[in-house]
Amino acid sequence: RPSTVFLSGDDAEAKRTVAGLLGDLGRPADSVLDLGGIATARGQEHY
């Protein structure tokens, strides 16, 4: 099943672009989870 891809950032348009690119790669929209602002990226680094 598709794993979850996490998005973090303060630029909403940039996150929409990345989500669109992930869709172009075949990733379902429900597998992309927007965690919020750039501060949430720290958790992804620990992932």
All heavy atoms as atom14 arrays in JSON, in Angstrom:
{
  "sequence": "RPSTVFLSGDDAEAKRTVAGLLGDLGRPADSVLDLGGIATARGQEHY",
  "atom14_mask": [
    [1, 1, 1, 1, 1, 1, 1, 1, 1, 1, 1, 0, 0, 0],
    [1, 1, 1, 1, 1, 1, 1, 0, 0, 0, 0, 0, 0, 0],
    [1, 1, 1, 1, 1, 1, 0, 0, 0, 0, 0, 0, 0, 0],
    [1, 1, 1, 1, 1, 1, 1, 0, 0, 0, 0, 0, 0, 0],
    [1, 1, 1, 1, 1, 1, 1, 0, 0, 0, 0, 0, 0, 0],
    [1, 1, 1, 1, 1, 1, 1, 1, 1, 1, 1, 0, 0, 0],
    [1, 1, 1, 1, 1, 1, 1, 1, 0, 0, 0, 0, 0, 0],
    [1, 1, 1, 1, 1, 1, 0, 0, 0, 0, 0, 0, 0, 0],
    [1, 1, 1, 1, 0, 0, 0, 0, 0, 0, 0, 0, 0, 0],
    [1, 1, 1, 1, 1, 1, 1, 1, 0, 0, 0, 0, 0, 0],
    [1, 1, 1, 1, 1, 1, 1, 1, 0, 0, 0, 0, 0, 0],
    [1, 1, 1, 1, 1, 0, 0, 0, 0, 0, 0, 0, 0, 0],
    [1, 1, 1, 1, 1, 1, 1, 1, 1, 0, 0, 0, 0, 0],
    [1, 1, 1, 1, 1, 0, 0, 0, 0, 0, 0, 0, 0, 0],
    [1, 1, 1, 1, 1, 1, 1, 1, 1, 0, 0, 0, 0, 0],
    [1, 1, 1, 1, 1, 1, 1, 1, 1, 1, 1, 0, 0, 0],
    [1, 1, 1, 1, 1, 1, 1, 0, 0, 0, 0, 0, 0, 0],
    [1, 1, 1, 1, 1, 1, 1, 0, 0, 0, 0, 0, 0, 0],
    [1, 1, 1, 1, 1, 0, 0, 0, 0, 0, 0, 0, 0, 0],
    [1, 1, 1, 1, 0, 0, 0, 0, 0, 0, 0, 0, 0, 0],
    [1, 1, 1, 1, 1, 1, 1, 1, 0, 0, 0, 0, 0, 0],
    [1, 1, 1, 1, 1, 1, 1, 1, 0, 0, 0, 0, 0, 0],
    [1, 1, 1, 1, 0, 0, 0, 0, 0, 0, 0, 0, 0, 0],
    [1, 1, 1, 1, 1, 1, 1, 1, 0, 0, 0, 0, 0, 0],
    [1, 1, 1, 1, 1, 1, 1, 1, 0, 0, 0, 0, 0, 0],
    [1, 1, 1, 1, 0, 0, 0, 0, 0, 0, 0, 0, 0, 0],
    [1, 1, 1, 1, 1, 1, 1, 1, 1, 1, 1, 0, 0, 0],
    [1, 1, 1, 1, 1, 1, 1, 0, 0, 0, 0, 0, 0, 0],
    [1, 1, 1, 1, 1, 0, 0, 0, 0, 0, 0, 0, 0, 0],
    [1, 1, 1, 1, 1, 1, 1, 1, 0, 0, 0, 0, 0, 0],
    [1, 1, 1, 1, 1, 1, 0, 0, 0, 0, 0, 0, 0, 0],
    [1, 1, 1, 1, 1, 1, 1, 0, 0, 0, 0, 0, 0, 0],
    [1, 1, 1, 1, 1, 1, 1, 1, 0, 0, 0, 0, 0, 0],
    [1, 1, 1, 1, 1, 1, 1, 1, 0, 0, 0, 0, 0, 0],
    [1, 1, 1, 1, 1, 1, 1, 1, 0, 0, 0, 0, 0, 0],
    [1, 1, 1, 1, 0, 0, 0, 0, 0, 0, 0, 0, 0, 0],
    [1, 1, 1, 1, 0, 0, 0, 0, 0, 0, 0, 0, 0, 0],
    [1, 1, 1, 1, 1, 1, 1, 1, 0, 0, 0, 0, 0, 0],
    [1, 1, 1, 1, 1, 0, 0, 0, 0, 0, 0, 0, 0, 0],
    [1, 1, 1, 1, 1, 1, 1, 0, 0, 0, 0, 0, 0, 0],
    [1, 1, 1, 1, 1, 0, 0, 0, 0, 0, 0, 0, 0, 0],
    [1, 1, 1, 1, 1, 1, 1, 1, 1, 1, 1, 0, 0, 0],
    [1, 1, 1, 1, 0, 0, 0, 0, 0, 0, 0, 0, 0, 0],
    [1, 1, 1, 1, 1, 1, 1, 1, 1, 0, 0, 0, 0, 0],
    [1, 1, 1, 1, 1, 1, 1, 1, 1, 0, 0, 0, 0, 0],
    [1, 1, 1, 1, 1, 1, 1, 1, 1, 1, 0, 0, 0, 0],
    [1, 1, 1, 1, 1, 1, 1, 1, 1, 1, 1, 1, 0, 0]
  ],
  "atom14_positions": [
    [[0.87, -1.19, 0.0], [0.0, 0.0, 0.0], [0.9, 1.22, 0.0], [2.04, 1.16, 0.45], [-0.89, 0.01, 1.25], [-1.98, -1.04, 1.22], [-2.85, -0.98, 2.45], [-2.15, -1.23, 3.71], [-1.89, -2.43, 4.21], [-2.25, -3.5, 3.55], [-1.27, -2.56, 5.35], [0.0, 0.0, 0.0], [0.0, 0.0, 0.0], [0.0, 0.0, 0.0]],
    [[0.42, 2.36, -0.46], [1.25, 3.56, -0.48], [1.63, 4.01, 0.93], [0.79, 4.01, 1.83], [0.37, 4.62, -1.14], [-0.75, 3.89, -1.78], [-0.91, 2.61, -1.05], [0.0, 0.0, 0.0], [0.0, 0.0, 0.0], [0.0, 0.0, 0.0], [0.0, 0.0, 0.0], [0.0, 0.0, 0.0], [0.0, 0.0, 0.0], [0.0, 0.0, 0.0]],
    [[2.89, 4.32, 1.12], [3.31, 4.89, 2.39], [2.95, 6.38, 2.42], [2.57, 6.95, 1.4], [4.82, 4.7, 2.57], [5.52, 5.31, 1.52], [0.0, 0.0, 0.0], [0.0, 0.0, 0.0], [0.0, 0.0, 0.0], [0.0, 0.0, 0.0], [0.0, 0.0, 0.0], [0.0, 0.0, 0.0], [0.0, 0.0, 0.0], [0.0, 0.0, 0.0]],
    [[3.05, 6.97, 3.58], [2.72, 8.39, 3.73], [3.96, 9.23, 3.46], [5.05, 8.92, 3.94], [2.2, 8.66, 5.15], [1.05, 7.85, 5.39], [1.82, 10.13, 5.33], [0.0, 0.0, 0.0], [0.0, 0.0, 0.0], [0.0, 0.0, 0.0], [0.0, 0.0, 0.0], [0.0, 0.0, 0.0], [0.0, 0.0, 0.0], [0.0, 0.0, 0.0]],
    [[3.78, 10.28, 2.69], [4.84, 11.26, 2.45], [4.45, 12.53, 3.2], [3.3, 12.98, 3.1], [5.0, 11.57, 0.94], [6.03, 12.65, 0.72], [5.37, 10.32, 0.18], [0.0, 0.0, 0.0], [0.0, 0.0, 0.0], [0.0, 0.0, 0.0], [0.0, 0.0, 0.0], [0.0, 0.0, 0.0], [0.0, 0.0, 0.0], [0.0, 0.0, 0.0]],
    [[5.38, 13.08, 3.94], [5.1, 14.24, 4.77], [5.59, 15.52, 4.11], [6.68, 15.55, 3.55], [5.78, 14.09, 6.14], [5.41, 12.81, 6.83], [6.3, 11.76, 6.9], [4.16, 12.66, 7.4], [5.97, 10.57, 7.54], [3.81, 11.47, 8.04], [4.71, 10.43, 8.11], [0.0, 0.0, 0.0], [0.0, 0.0, 0.0], [0.0, 0.0, 0.0]],
    [[4.77, 16.56, 4.19], [5.16, 17.89, 3.69], [5.24, 18.86, 4.85], [4.39, 18.85, 5.74], [4.11, 18.43, 2.71], [3.9, 17.69, 1.4], [2.83, 18.41, 0.58], [5.18, 17.59, 0.61], [0.0, 0.0, 0.0], [0.0, 0.0, 0.0], [0.0, 0.0, 0.0], [0.0, 0.0, 0.0], [0.0, 0.0, 0.0], [0.0, 0.0, 0.0]],
    [[6.26, 19.69, 4.85], [6.4, 20.78, 5.82], [6.89, 22.01, 5.08], [7.68, 21.91, 4.15], [7.45, 20.42, 6.89], [7.02, 19.34, 7.68], [0.0, 0.0, 0.0], [0.0, 0.0, 0.0], [0.0, 0.0, 0.0], [0.0, 0.0, 0.0], [0.0, 0.0, 0.0], [0.0, 0.0, 0.0], [0.0, 0.0, 0.0], [0.0, 0.0, 0.0]],
    [[6.43, 23.17, 5.5], [6.92, 24.39, 4.88], [5.98, 25.56, 5.13], [4.81, 25.38, 5.48], [0.0, 0.0, 0.0], [0.0, 0.0, 0.0], [0.0, 0.0, 0.0], [0.0, 0.0, 0.0], [0.0, 0.0, 0.0], [0.0, 0.0, 0.0], [0.0, 0.0, 0.0], [0.0, 0.0, 0.0], [0.0, 0.0, 0.0], [0.0, 0.0, 0.0]],
    [[6.51, 26.74, 4.96], [5.74, 27.96, 5.18], [5.2, 28.55, 3.88], [4.5, 29.55, 3.92], [6.62, 29.0, 5.89], [7.0, 28.55, 7.3], [6.21, 27.8, 7.92], [8.07, 28.94, 7.78], [0.0, 0.0, 0.0], [0.0, 0.0, 0.0], [0.0, 0.0, 0.0], [0.0, 0.0, 0.0], [0.0, 0.0, 0.0], [0.0, 0.0, 0.0]],
    [[5.5, 27.93, 2.75], [5.05, 28.44, 1.46], [3.99, 27.49, 0.91], [4.29, 26.4, 0.42], [6.25, 28.52, 0.51], [5.92, 29.13, -0.84], [4.78, 28.96, -1.33], [6.82, 29.78, -1.41], [0.0, 0.0, 0.0], [0.0, 0.0, 0.0], [0.0, 0.0, 0.0], [0.0, 0.0, 0.0], [0.0, 0.0, 0.0], [0.0, 0.0, 0.0]],
    [[2.73, 27.91, 1.01], [1.61, 27.05, 0.59], [1.7, 26.67, -0.88], [1.41, 25.53, -1.26], [0.28, 27.74, 0.89], [0.0, 0.0, 0.0], [0.0, 0.0, 0.0], [0.0, 0.0, 0.0], [0.0, 0.0, 0.0], [0.0, 0.0, 0.0], [0.0, 0.0, 0.0], [0.0, 0.0, 0.0], [0.0, 0.0, 0.0], [0.0, 0.0, 0.0]],
    [[2.1, 27.61, -1.73], [2.21, 27.32, -3.17], [3.29, 26.28, -3.43], [3.1, 25.38, -4.25], [2.5, 28.6, -3.95], [2.59, 28.4, -5.45], [1.32, 27.85, -6.09], [0.22, 28.14, -5.58], [1.42, 27.13, -7.1], [0.0, 0.0, 0.0], [0.0, 0.0, 0.0], [0.0, 0.0, 0.0], [0.0, 0.0, 0.0], [0.0, 0.0, 0.0]],
    [[4.4, 26.36, -2.72], [5.47, 25.37, -2.89], [4.99, 23.98, -2.48], [5.29, 22.99, -3.15], [6.69, 25.78, -2.07], [0.0, 0.0, 0.0], [0.0, 0.0, 0.0], [0.0, 0.0, 0.0], [0.0, 0.0, 0.0], [0.0, 0.0, 0.0], [0.0, 0.0, 0.0], [0.0, 0.0, 0.0], [0.0, 0.0, 0.0], [0.0, 0.0, 0.0]],
    [[4.23, 23.92, -1.4], [3.71, 22.62, -0.96], [2.71, 22.06, -1.97], [2.69, 20.86, -2.23], [3.1, 22.72, 0.43], [4.16, 22.91, 1.51], [3.65, 22.61, 2.91], [2.74, 23.68, 3.42], [2.38, 23.46, 4.85], [0.0, 0.0, 0.0], [0.0, 0.0, 0.0], [0.0, 0.0, 0.0], [0.0, 0.0, 0.0], [0.0, 0.0, 0.0]],
    [[1.89, 22.92, -2.57], [0.97, 22.45, -3.62], [1.76, 21.91, -4.81], [1.39, 20.9, -5.41], [0.04, 23.58, -4.05], [-1.15, 23.78, -3.15], [-2.2, 24.69, -3.75], [-1.72, 26.07, -3.92], [-1.73, 26.98, -2.94], [-2.19, 26.66, -1.74], [-1.29, 28.2, -3.17], [0.0, 0.0, 0.0], [0.0, 0.0, 0.0], [0.0, 0.0, 0.0]],
    [[2.86, 22.59, -5.16], [3.69, 22.15, -6.28], [4.29, 20.78, -5.99], [4.26, 19.87, -6.83], [4.81, 23.17, -6.57], [4.21, 24.41, -6.94], [5.73, 22.69, -7.68], [0.0, 0.0, 0.0], [0.0, 0.0, 0.0], [0.0, 0.0, 0.0], [0.0, 0.0, 0.0], [0.0, 0.0, 0.0], [0.0, 0.0, 0.0], [0.0, 0.0, 0.0]],
    [[4.84, 20.6, -4.78], [5.44, 19.32, -4.41], [4.37, 18.23, -4.39], [4.6, 17.13, -4.9], [6.15, 19.43, -3.04], [6.57, 18.05, -2.54], [7.36, 20.35, -3.14], [0.0, 0.0, 0.0], [0.0, 0.0, 0.0], [0.0, 0.0, 0.0], [0.0, 0.0, 0.0], [0.0, 0.0, 0.0], [0.0, 0.0, 0.0], [0.0, 0.0, 0.0]],
    [[3.19, 18.52, -3.84], [2.12, 17.53, -3.84], [1.74, 17.15, -5.27], [1.5, 15.97, -5.56], [0.91, 18.06, -3.08], [0.0, 0.0, 0.0], [0.0, 0.0, 0.0], [0.0, 0.0, 0.0], [0.0, 0.0, 0.0], [0.0, 0.0, 0.0], [0.0, 0.0, 0.0], [0.0, 0.0, 0.0], [0.0, 0.0, 0.0], [0.0, 0.0, 0.0]],
    [[1.71, 18.12, -6.17], [1.43, 17.84, -7.57], [2.49, 16.97, -8.21], [2.17, 16.04, -8.97], [0.0, 0.0, 0.0], [0.0, 0.0, 0.0], [0.0, 0.0, 0.0], [0.0, 0.0, 0.0], [0.0, 0.0, 0.0], [0.0, 0.0, 0.0], [0.0, 0.0, 0.0], [0.0, 0.0, 0.0], [0.0, 0.0, 0.0], [0.0, 0.0, 0.0]],
    [[3.75, 17.24, -7.91], [4.84, 16.42, -8.44], [4.76, 14.99, -7.92], [4.98, 14.03, -8.66], [6.2, 17.04, -8.08], [6.53, 18.36, -8.77], [7.75, 19.0, -8.15], [6.72, 18.15, -10.27], [0.0, 0.0, 0.0], [0.0, 0.0, 0.0], [0.0, 0.0, 0.0], [0.0, 0.0, 0.0], [0.0, 0.0, 0.0], [0.0, 0.0, 0.0]],
    [[4.42, 14.85, -6.64], [4.24, 13.5, -6.09], [3.11, 12.77, -6.8], [3.22, 11.58, -7.09], [3.98, 13.59, -4.58], [5.18, 14.0, -3.74], [4.74, 14.37, -2.32], [6.23, 12.92, -3.72], [0.0, 0.0, 0.0], [0.0, 0.0, 0.0], [0.0, 0.0, 0.0], [0.0, 0.0, 0.0], [0.0, 0.0, 0.0], [0.0, 0.0, 0.0]],
    [[2.04, 13.5, -7.1], [0.95, 12.9, -7.87], [1.4, 12.47, -9.26], [1.03, 11.41, -9.74], [0.0, 0.0, 0.0], [0.0, 0.0, 0.0], [0.0, 0.0, 0.0], [0.0, 0.0, 0.0], [0.0, 0.0, 0.0], [0.0, 0.0, 0.0], [0.0, 0.0, 0.0], [0.0, 0.0, 0.0], [0.0, 0.0, 0.0], [0.0, 0.0, 0.0]],
    [[2.23, 13.29, -9.89], [2.77, 12.95, -11.21], [3.61, 11.68, -11.16], [3.71, 10.95, -12.15], [3.63, 14.09, -11.76], [2.82, 15.32, -12.13], [1.57, 15.23, -12.19], [3.44, 16.39, -12.34], [0.0, 0.0, 0.0], [0.0, 0.0, 0.0], [0.0, 0.0, 0.0], [0.0, 0.0, 0.0], [0.0, 0.0, 0.0], [0.0, 0.0, 0.0]],
    [[4.21, 11.4, -10.0], [5.01, 10.19, -9.83], [4.16, 8.97, -9.49], [4.67, 7.88, -9.3], [6.07, 10.39, -8.73], [7.17, 11.39, -9.07], [8.02, 11.68, -7.83], [8.05, 10.85, -10.19], [0.0, 0.0, 0.0], [0.0, 0.0, 0.0], [0.0, 0.0, 0.0], [0.0, 0.0, 0.0], [0.0, 0.0, 0.0], [0.0, 0.0, 0.0]],
    [[2.84, 9.19, -9.38], [1.94, 8.08, -9.12], [1.5, 7.94, -7.68], [0.82, 6.99, -7.33], [0.0, 0.0, 0.0], [0.0, 0.0, 0.0], [0.0, 0.0, 0.0], [0.0, 0.0, 0.0], [0.0, 0.0, 0.0], [0.0, 0.0, 0.0], [0.0, 0.0, 0.0], [0.0, 0.0, 0.0], [0.0, 0.0, 0.0], [0.0, 0.0, 0.0]],
    [[1.88, 8.89, -6.87], [1.5, 8.82, -5.46], [0.07, 9.32, -5.29], [-0.27, 10.41, -5.73], [2.45, 9.67, -4.62], [2.21, 9.49, -3.16], [3.42, 9.76, -2.34], [4.55, 8.92, -2.62], [4.74, 7.72, -2.08], [3.85, 7.22, -1.28], [5.83, 7.04, -2.33], [0.0, 0.0, 0.0], [0.0, 0.0, 0.0], [0.0, 0.0, 0.0]],
    [[-0.81, 8.54, -4.64], [-2.19, 8.99, -4.42], [-2.23, 10.21, -3.5], [-1.42, 10.33, -2.57], [-2.86, 7.8, -3.73], [-1.93, 6.66, -3.84], [-0.57, 7.2, -4.13], [0.0, 0.0, 0.0], [0.0, 0.0, 0.0], [0.0, 0.0, 0.0], [0.0, 0.0, 0.0], [0.0, 0.0, 0.0], [0.0, 0.0, 0.0], [0.0, 0.0, 0.0]],
    [[-3.18, 11.1, -3.73], [-3.29, 12.33, -2.93], [-3.47, 12.02, -1.46], [-2.94, 12.75, -0.6], [-4.45, 13.17, -3.45], [0.0, 0.0, 0.0], [0.0, 0.0, 0.0], [0.0, 0.0, 0.0], [0.0, 0.0, 0.0], [0.0, 0.0, 0.0], [0.0, 0.0, 0.0], [0.0, 0.0, 0.0], [0.0, 0.0, 0.0], [0.0, 0.0, 0.0]],
    [[-4.16, 10.93, -1.12], [-4.38, 10.64, 0.3], [-3.15, 10.06, 0.99], [-3.17, 9.79, 2.18], [-5.58, 9.72, 0.49], [-5.37, 8.31, -0.04], [-4.38, 8.06, -0.76], [-6.22, 7.46, 0.27], [0.0, 0.0, 0.0], [0.0, 0.0, 0.0], [0.0, 0.0, 0.0], [0.0, 0.0, 0.0], [0.0, 0.0, 0.0], [0.0, 0.0, 0.0]],
    [[-2.05, 9.89, 0.25], [-0.81, 9.43, 0.87], [0.12, 10.59, 1.21], [1.19, 10.38, 1.77], [-0.08, 8.43, -0.04], [0.49, 9.09, -1.15], [0.0, 0.0, 0.0], [0.0, 0.0, 0.0], [0.0, 0.0, 0.0], [0.0, 0.0, 0.0], [0.0, 0.0, 0.0], [0.0, 0.0, 0.0], [0.0, 0.0, 0.0], [0.0, 0.0, 0.0]],
    [[-0.3, 11.82, 0.89], [0.5, 13.02, 1.18], [-0.13, 13.71, 2.38], [-1.3, 14.05, 2.37], [0.54, 13.96, -0.04], [1.35, 15.21, 0.28], [1.12, 13.23, -1.25], [0.0, 0.0, 0.0], [0.0, 0.0, 0.0], [0.0, 0.0, 0.0], [0.0, 0.0, 0.0], [0.0, 0.0, 0.0], [0.0, 0.0, 0.0], [0.0, 0.0, 0.0]],
    [[0.67, 13.9, 3.43], [0.17, 14.5, 4.67], [0.92, 15.8, 4.94], [2.14, 15.8, 5.16], [0.35, 13.54, 5.84], [-0.13, 14.0, 7.21], [-1.62, 14.35, 7.18], [0.16, 12.94, 8.25], [0.0, 0.0, 0.0], [0.0, 0.0, 0.0], [0.0, 0.0, 0.0], [0.0, 0.0, 0.0], [0.0, 0.0, 0.0], [0.0, 0.0, 0.0]],
    [[0.2, 16.91, 4.93], [0.78, 18.23, 5.21], [0.83, 18.39, 6.72], [-0.19, 18.45, 7.39], [-0.09, 19.31, 4.58], [0.5, 20.71, 4.69], [1.43, 20.92, 5.52], [0.04, 21.59, 3.96], [0.0, 0.0, 0.0], [0.0, 0.0, 0.0], [0.0, 0.0, 0.0], [0.0, 0.0, 0.0], [0.0, 0.0, 0.0], [0.0, 0.0, 0.0]],
    [[2.04, 18.47, 7.26], [2.22, 18.58, 8.71], [2.18, 20.02, 9.2], [2.14, 20.26, 10.39], [3.56, 17.96, 9.12], [3.69, 16.46, 8.87], [5.07, 15.99, 9.3], [2.61, 15.67, 9.56], [0.0, 0.0, 0.0], [0.0, 0.0, 0.0], [0.0, 0.0, 0.0], [0.0, 0.0, 0.0], [0.0, 0.0, 0.0], [0.0, 0.0, 0.0]],
    [[2.22, 20.98, 8.28], [2.17, 22.38, 8.69], [3.42, 23.14, 8.31], [4.05, 22.86, 7.29], [0.0, 0.0, 0.0], [0.0, 0.0, 0.0], [0.0, 0.0, 0.0], [0.0, 0.0, 0.0], [0.0, 0.0, 0.0], [0.0, 0.0, 0.0], [0.0, 0.0, 0.0], [0.0, 0.0, 0.0], [0.0, 0.0, 0.0], [0.0, 0.0, 0.0]],
    [[3.8, 24.08, 9.16], [4.92, 24.97, 8.89], [6.28, 24.28, 8.91], [6.4, 23.11, 9.24], [0.0, 0.0, 0.0], [0.0, 0.0, 0.0], [0.0, 0.0, 0.0], [0.0, 0.0, 0.0], [0.0, 0.0, 0.0], [0.0, 0.0, 0.0], [0.0, 0.0, 0.0], [0.0, 0.0, 0.0], [0.0, 0.0, 0.0], [0.0, 0.0, 0.0]],
    [[7.29, 25.07, 8.59], [8.65, 24.55, 8.47], [9.17, 23.94, 9.77], [10.0, 23.03, 9.75], [9.61, 25.63, 7.92], [10.94, 25.02, 7.44], [9.85, 26.72, 8.96], [10.79, 24.14, 6.24], [0.0, 0.0, 0.0], [0.0, 0.0, 0.0], [0.0, 0.0, 0.0], [0.0, 0.0, 0.0], [0.0, 0.0, 0.0], [0.0, 0.0, 0.0]],
    [[8.66, 24.39, 10.9], [9.11, 23.84, 12.18], [8.82, 22.34, 12.29], [9.51, 21.62, 13.01], [8.47, 24.59, 13.33], [0.0, 0.0, 0.0], [0.0, 0.0, 0.0], [0.0, 0.0, 0.0], [0.0, 0.0, 0.0], [0.0, 0.0, 0.0], [0.0, 0.0, 0.0], [0.0, 0.0, 0.0], [0.0, 0.0, 0.0], [0.0, 0.0, 0.0]],
    [[7.82, 21.85, 11.57], [7.49, 20.43, 11.63], [8.48, 19.56, 10.86], [8.47, 18.34, 10.99], [6.06, 20.16, 11.1], [6.0, 20.49, 9.72], [5.03, 20.95, 11.88], [0.0, 0.0, 0.0], [0.0, 0.0, 0.0], [0.0, 0.0, 0.0], [0.0, 0.0, 0.0], [0.0, 0.0, 0.0], [0.0, 0.0, 0.0], [0.0, 0.0, 0.0]],
    [[9.35, 20.18, 10.08], [10.35, 19.43, 9.31], [11.34, 18.72, 10.22], [11.92, 17.71, 9.85], [11.08, 20.35, 8.34], [0.0, 0.0, 0.0], [0.0, 0.0, 0.0], [0.0, 0.0, 0.0], [0.0, 0.0, 0.0], [0.0, 0.0, 0.0], [0.0, 0.0, 0.0], [0.0, 0.0, 0.0], [0.0, 0.0, 0.0], [0.0, 0.0, 0.0]],
    [[11.53, 19.24, 11.41], [12.47, 18.64, 12.35], [12.1, 17.18, 12.64], [12.96, 16.31, 12.7], [12.5, 19.44, 13.65], [13.5, 19.01, 14.63], [14.85, 19.45, 14.2], [15.78, 19.22, 15.3], [17.06, 19.26, 15.17], [17.58, 19.57, 14.01], [17.84, 19.05, 16.17], [0.0, 0.0, 0.0], [0.0, 0.0, 0.0], [0.0, 0.0, 0.0]],
    [[10.82, 16.92, 12.8], [10.38, 15.54, 13.03], [10.68, 14.64, 11.85], [11.07, 13.48, 12.02], [0.0, 0.0, 0.0], [0.0, 0.0, 0.0], [0.0, 0.0, 0.0], [0.0, 0.0, 0.0], [0.0, 0.0, 0.0], [0.0, 0.0, 0.0], [0.0, 0.0, 0.0], [0.0, 0.0, 0.0], [0.0, 0.0, 0.0], [0.0, 0.0, 0.0]],
    [[10.53, 15.16, 10.65], [10.83, 14.36, 9.46], [12.32, 14.04, 9.37], [12.7, 12.96, 8.9], [10.4, 15.12, 8.2], [8.9, 15.29, 8.12], [8.52, 16.06, 6.9], [8.82, 15.65, 5.79], [7.86, 17.19, 7.09], [0.0, 0.0, 0.0], [0.0, 0.0, 0.0], [0.0, 0.0, 0.0], [0.0, 0.0, 0.0], [0.0, 0.0, 0.0]],
    [[13.15, 14.95, 9.82], [14.6, 14.69, 9.82], [14.92, 13.52, 10.73], [15.75, 12.67, 10.41], [15.35, 15.94, 10.25], [15.26, 17.07, 9.25], [15.77, 18.4, 9.79], [16.2, 18.45, 10.96], [15.73, 19.38, 9.03], [0.0, 0.0, 0.0], [0.0, 0.0, 0.0], [0.0, 0.0, 0.0], [0.0, 0.0, 0.0], [0.0, 0.0, 0.0]],
    [[14.23, 13.42, 11.85], [14.46, 12.31, 12.78], [13.89, 11.0, 12.25], [14.3, 9.92, 12.68], [13.87, 12.63, 14.15], [14.63, 13.69, 14.87], [15.88, 13.48, 15.41], [14.35, 14.99, 15.09], [16.32, 14.59, 15.96], [15.4, 15.53, 15.77], [0.0, 0.0, 0.0], [0.0, 0.0, 0.0], [0.0, 0.0, 0.0], [0.0, 0.0, 0.0]],
    [[12.97, 11.09, 11.33], [12.4, 9.88, 10.72], [13.49, 9.03, 10.07], [13.39, 7.81, 10.05], [11.33, 10.26, 9.69], [10.88, 9.11, 8.84], [10.07, 8.1, 9.37], [11.28, 8.99, 7.51], [9.67, 7.03, 8.6], [10.88, 7.92, 6.74], [10.07, 6.94, 7.28], [9.69, 5.88, 6.53], [0.0, 0.0, 0.0], [0.0, 0.0, 0.0]]
  ]
}
